[in-house]
Protein backbone atom coordinates (compact mmCIF):
# COMPACT_ATOMS: atom_id res chain seq x y z
CA MET A 1 -3.75 -0.16 6.15
CA HIS A 2 -4.98 3.33 7.01
CA ILE A 3 -3.86 4.99 10.29
CA PRO A 4 -6.16 7.54 11.33
CA ASP A 5 -3.72 10.05 12.46
CA ILE A 6 0.08 9.14 12.70
CA HIS A 7 0.92 12.10 14.60
CA SER A 8 -1.60 11.59 17.26
CA PHE A 9 -1.11 7.98 17.54
CA PHE A 10 2.51 8.10 18.39
CA LYS A 11 2.17 11.35 20.47
CA SER A 12 5.58 11.61 22.25
CA ASP A 13 6.75 8.37 20.78
CA LEU A 14 7.47 10.02 17.12
CA HIS A 15 11.18 9.52 18.01
CA VAL A 16 10.74 5.91 17.49
CA LEU A 17 10.01 6.62 13.66
CA SER A 18 12.60 7.98 11.12
CA GLU A 19 11.16 10.64 8.95
CA VAL A 20 12.53 10.49 5.66
CA THR A 21 11.71 12.14 2.31
CA TYR A 22 12.25 10.33 -1.23
CA PRO A 23 11.92 11.55 -4.73
CA ALA A 24 9.33 10.08 -7.06
CA LYS A 25 10.35 6.66 -8.78
CA THR A 26 12.62 5.62 -5.57
CA ILE A 27 12.59 1.75 -4.64
CA LEU A 28 11.77 1.58 -1.23
CA LEU A 29 11.87 -2.37 -1.11
CA GLU A 30 13.24 -4.49 -4.03
CA GLU A 31 11.58 -8.09 -4.80
CA GLY A 32 13.42 -10.85 -3.18
CA LYS A 33 14.75 -8.64 -0.36
CA VAL A 34 13.88 -9.03 3.27
CA SER A 35 11.59 -6.27 4.56
CA ASP A 36 13.05 -4.80 7.60
CA LYS A 37 10.76 -1.46 7.73
CA MET A 38 7.30 -0.60 7.74
CA PHE A 39 6.32 2.88 5.97
CA LEU A 40 3.80 5.22 7.14
CA VAL A 41 3.24 7.83 4.55
CA LYS A 42 2.96 11.47 6.04
CA ASN A 43 2.48 12.89 2.21
CA GLY A 44 2.88 11.54 -1.08
CA ALA A 45 2.11 8.05 -2.60
CA LEU A 46 3.70 4.58 -3.01
CA ARG A 47 2.98 1.72 -5.26
CA VAL A 48 3.25 -1.83 -4.34
CA PHE A 49 3.72 -3.97 -7.64
CA PHE A 50 5.65 -6.92 -9.13
CA TYR A 51 6.50 -8.09 -12.78
CA GLN A 52 5.07 -10.89 -14.17
CA ASP A 53 5.88 -11.95 -18.00
CA GLY A 54 7.69 -8.62 -18.04
CA LYS A 55 4.67 -6.67 -17.35
CA GLU A 56 4.06 -4.70 -14.05
CA LEU A 57 1.22 -5.64 -12.01
CA THR A 58 -0.11 -2.99 -9.11
CA LEU A 59 -1.24 -4.56 -6.10
CA GLU A 60 -1.97 -1.38 -4.16
CA PHE A 61 -1.68 2.27 -4.00
CA ILE A 62 -0.72 3.59 -0.52
CA THR A 63 -1.33 7.32 0.09
CA GLU A 64 -1.44 9.87 3.05
CA ASN A 65 -2.19 8.18 6.50
CA GLN A 66 -1.71 4.70 5.28
CA ALA A 67 1.02 2.19 6.08
CA VAL A 68 2.85 -0.56 4.05
CA SER A 69 5.29 -3.29 4.03
CA SER A 70 5.80 -6.69 2.52
CA PHE A 71 3.97 -7.82 5.77
CA ASN A 72 4.75 -11.42 5.34
CA SER A 73 8.46 -10.69 4.86
CA PHE A 74 8.33 -7.84 7.53
CA LEU A 75 6.90 -10.15 10.17
CA ASN A 76 8.35 -13.63 9.06
CA GLY A 77 11.97 -12.50 7.88
CA THR A 78 10.95 -14.00 4.34
CA ARG A 79 11.88 -12.61 0.80
CA SER A 80 9.54 -9.83 -0.57
CA GLU A 81 7.58 -10.95 -3.34
CA PHE A 82 6.82 -7.38 -4.69
CA ILE A 83 8.25 -3.94 -4.96
CA ILE A 84 7.60 -0.75 -2.98
CA GLU A 85 8.23 2.35 -4.84
CA THR A 86 7.50 6.20 -4.37
CA LEU A 87 5.04 7.52 -7.28
CA GLU A 88 5.60 10.88 -6.05
CA SER A 89 7.81 12.80 -3.94
CA SER A 90 7.07 11.39 -0.59
CA THR A 91 7.87 11.84 3.04
CA VAL A 92 7.31 8.64 5.09
CA TYR A 93 8.09 7.65 8.58
CA GLU A 94 10.00 4.35 8.62
CA MET A 95 9.54 2.04 11.55
CA HIS A 96 12.27 -0.75 11.87
CA VAL A 97 10.98 -4.34 12.54
CA ASP A 98 12.75 -4.43 15.91
CA ILE A 99 10.91 -0.94 17.01
CA PHE A 100 7.51 -2.52 15.78
CA ARG A 101 8.16 -5.86 17.60
CA LYS A 102 9.15 -3.95 20.85
CA LEU A 103 5.87 -1.77 20.62
CA MET A 104 3.73 -4.93 20.01
CA GLU A 105 4.66 -5.98 23.49
CA GLY A 106 2.66 -2.89 24.82
CA GLN A 107 -1.05 -3.30 25.09
CA GLU A 108 -2.18 0.22 23.71
CA PHE A 109 -0.19 -0.46 20.57
CA GLN A 110 -1.89 -3.81 20.16
CA GLN A 111 -5.28 -2.70 20.73
CA THR A 112 -4.57 -0.05 17.97
CA PHE A 113 -2.60 -1.95 15.56
CA HIS A 114 -4.56 -5.52 15.62
CA PRO A 115 -7.83 -3.99 14.35
CA LEU A 116 -5.89 -1.95 11.82
CA PHE A 117 -4.23 -5.42 10.51
CA TYR A 118 -7.77 -7.21 10.75
CA ARG A 119 -9.26 -4.31 8.46
CA ARG A 120 -6.40 -4.66 5.96
CA PHE A 121 -6.39 -8.50 5.72
CA SER A 122 -10.22 -8.07 5.31
CA GLU A 123 -9.63 -5.59 2.35
CA ILE A 124 -7.09 -7.76 0.95
CA ASN A 125 -9.36 -10.62 1.03
CA ASN A 126 -12.27 -8.71 -0.61
CA ARG A 127 -9.88 -7.67 -3.51
CA LEU A 128 -8.91 -11.27 -4.10
CA VAL A 129 -12.58 -12.05 -4.15
CA SER A 130 -13.63 -9.32 -6.64
CA PHE A 131 -10.35 -10.58 -8.83
CA ILE A 132 -12.11 -13.93 -8.93
CA LYS A 133 -15.96 -13.21 -9.56
CA ASP A 134 -16.18 -9.60 -10.60
CA SER A 135 -15.85 -8.20 -14.15
CA PRO A 136 -13.38 -5.48 -14.56
CA GLN A 137 -16.25 -2.92 -15.18
CA LYS A 138 -17.52 -3.84 -11.61
CA ARG A 139 -13.94 -3.61 -10.32
CA TYR A 140 -13.63 -0.04 -11.93
CA GLU A 141 -16.92 0.96 -10.34
CA GLN A 142 -15.94 -0.18 -6.95
CA LEU A 143 -12.78 1.89 -7.27
CA LEU A 144 -14.73 4.76 -8.37
CA LYS A 145 -16.82 4.33 -5.29
CA ASP A 146 -14.15 3.50 -2.75
CA ARG A 147 -11.22 5.65 -3.80
CA PRO A 148 -12.07 8.08 -6.80
CA GLU A 149 -8.99 10.15 -6.02
CA LEU A 150 -6.65 7.80 -7.25
CA LEU A 151 -8.24 7.88 -10.79
CA LEU A 152 -7.26 11.65 -10.84
CA ARG A 153 -3.95 11.10 -9.08
CA PHE A 154 -2.27 8.10 -11.11
CA PRO A 155 -1.57 7.42 -14.87
CA GLN A 156 -4.00 5.46 -16.60
CA HIS A 157 -1.55 2.49 -17.18
CA TYR A 158 -1.10 2.07 -13.22
CA ILE A 159 -4.70 2.20 -12.78
CA ALA A 160 -5.57 -0.32 -15.57
CA SER A 161 -2.74 -2.55 -13.81
CA TYR A 162 -4.14 -2.40 -10.49
CA LEU A 163 -7.65 -3.44 -11.98
CA GLY A 164 -5.89 -6.42 -13.87
CA ILE A 165 -6.79 -4.93 -17.40
CA THR A 166 -5.01 -3.29 -20.10
CA SER A 167 -5.01 0.27 -20.47
CA VAL A 168 -7.18 -0.16 -23.93
CA SER A 169 -9.82 -1.97 -21.85
CA LEU A 170 -9.58 0.83 -19.13
CA SER A 171 -10.50 3.67 -21.84
CA ARG A 172 -13.44 1.39 -23.04
CA ILE A 173 -14.75 1.15 -19.38
CA ARG A 174 -14.37 4.90 -18.78
CA ASN A 175 -16.03 5.46 -22.48
CA ARG A 176 -19.22 3.37 -21.42
CA ARG A 177 -19.92 5.61 -18.50
């Protein structure tokens, strides 16, 4: 979820968030744990992933001014189906679920966050449909169009995992261009 400007959104309410800096490769949420925090990235990068048959599968990259949680877990108290880790040294704002629920009682917060949630769910839906109907080549081209900075910022094996292909397949796709 992209938040246009975390500082201006929370204005004087920044005290409802905890600012924490984590080193690279820090697990912020473990698979199977209940998520009680939402992370809003001030700087750095996070990765959302899980293991399947011993392989890491990347669901999403979260960078500056984006928020992430295991939203099903965060909103419903269920166990997270994935892991959130820092890819780089990252400073995040952490919002506890109790604070989020209290803020959601306010009209201004609802008016800001509801469209962000809708947009995020639309992005997830589009990604799901792309995995069903698009070729790896087309998914790569879409990533190149939508978020080219990721291709320069993260290792190829993470990008390949995000695209649902092997690093070798990604190299072939890149060489065709």
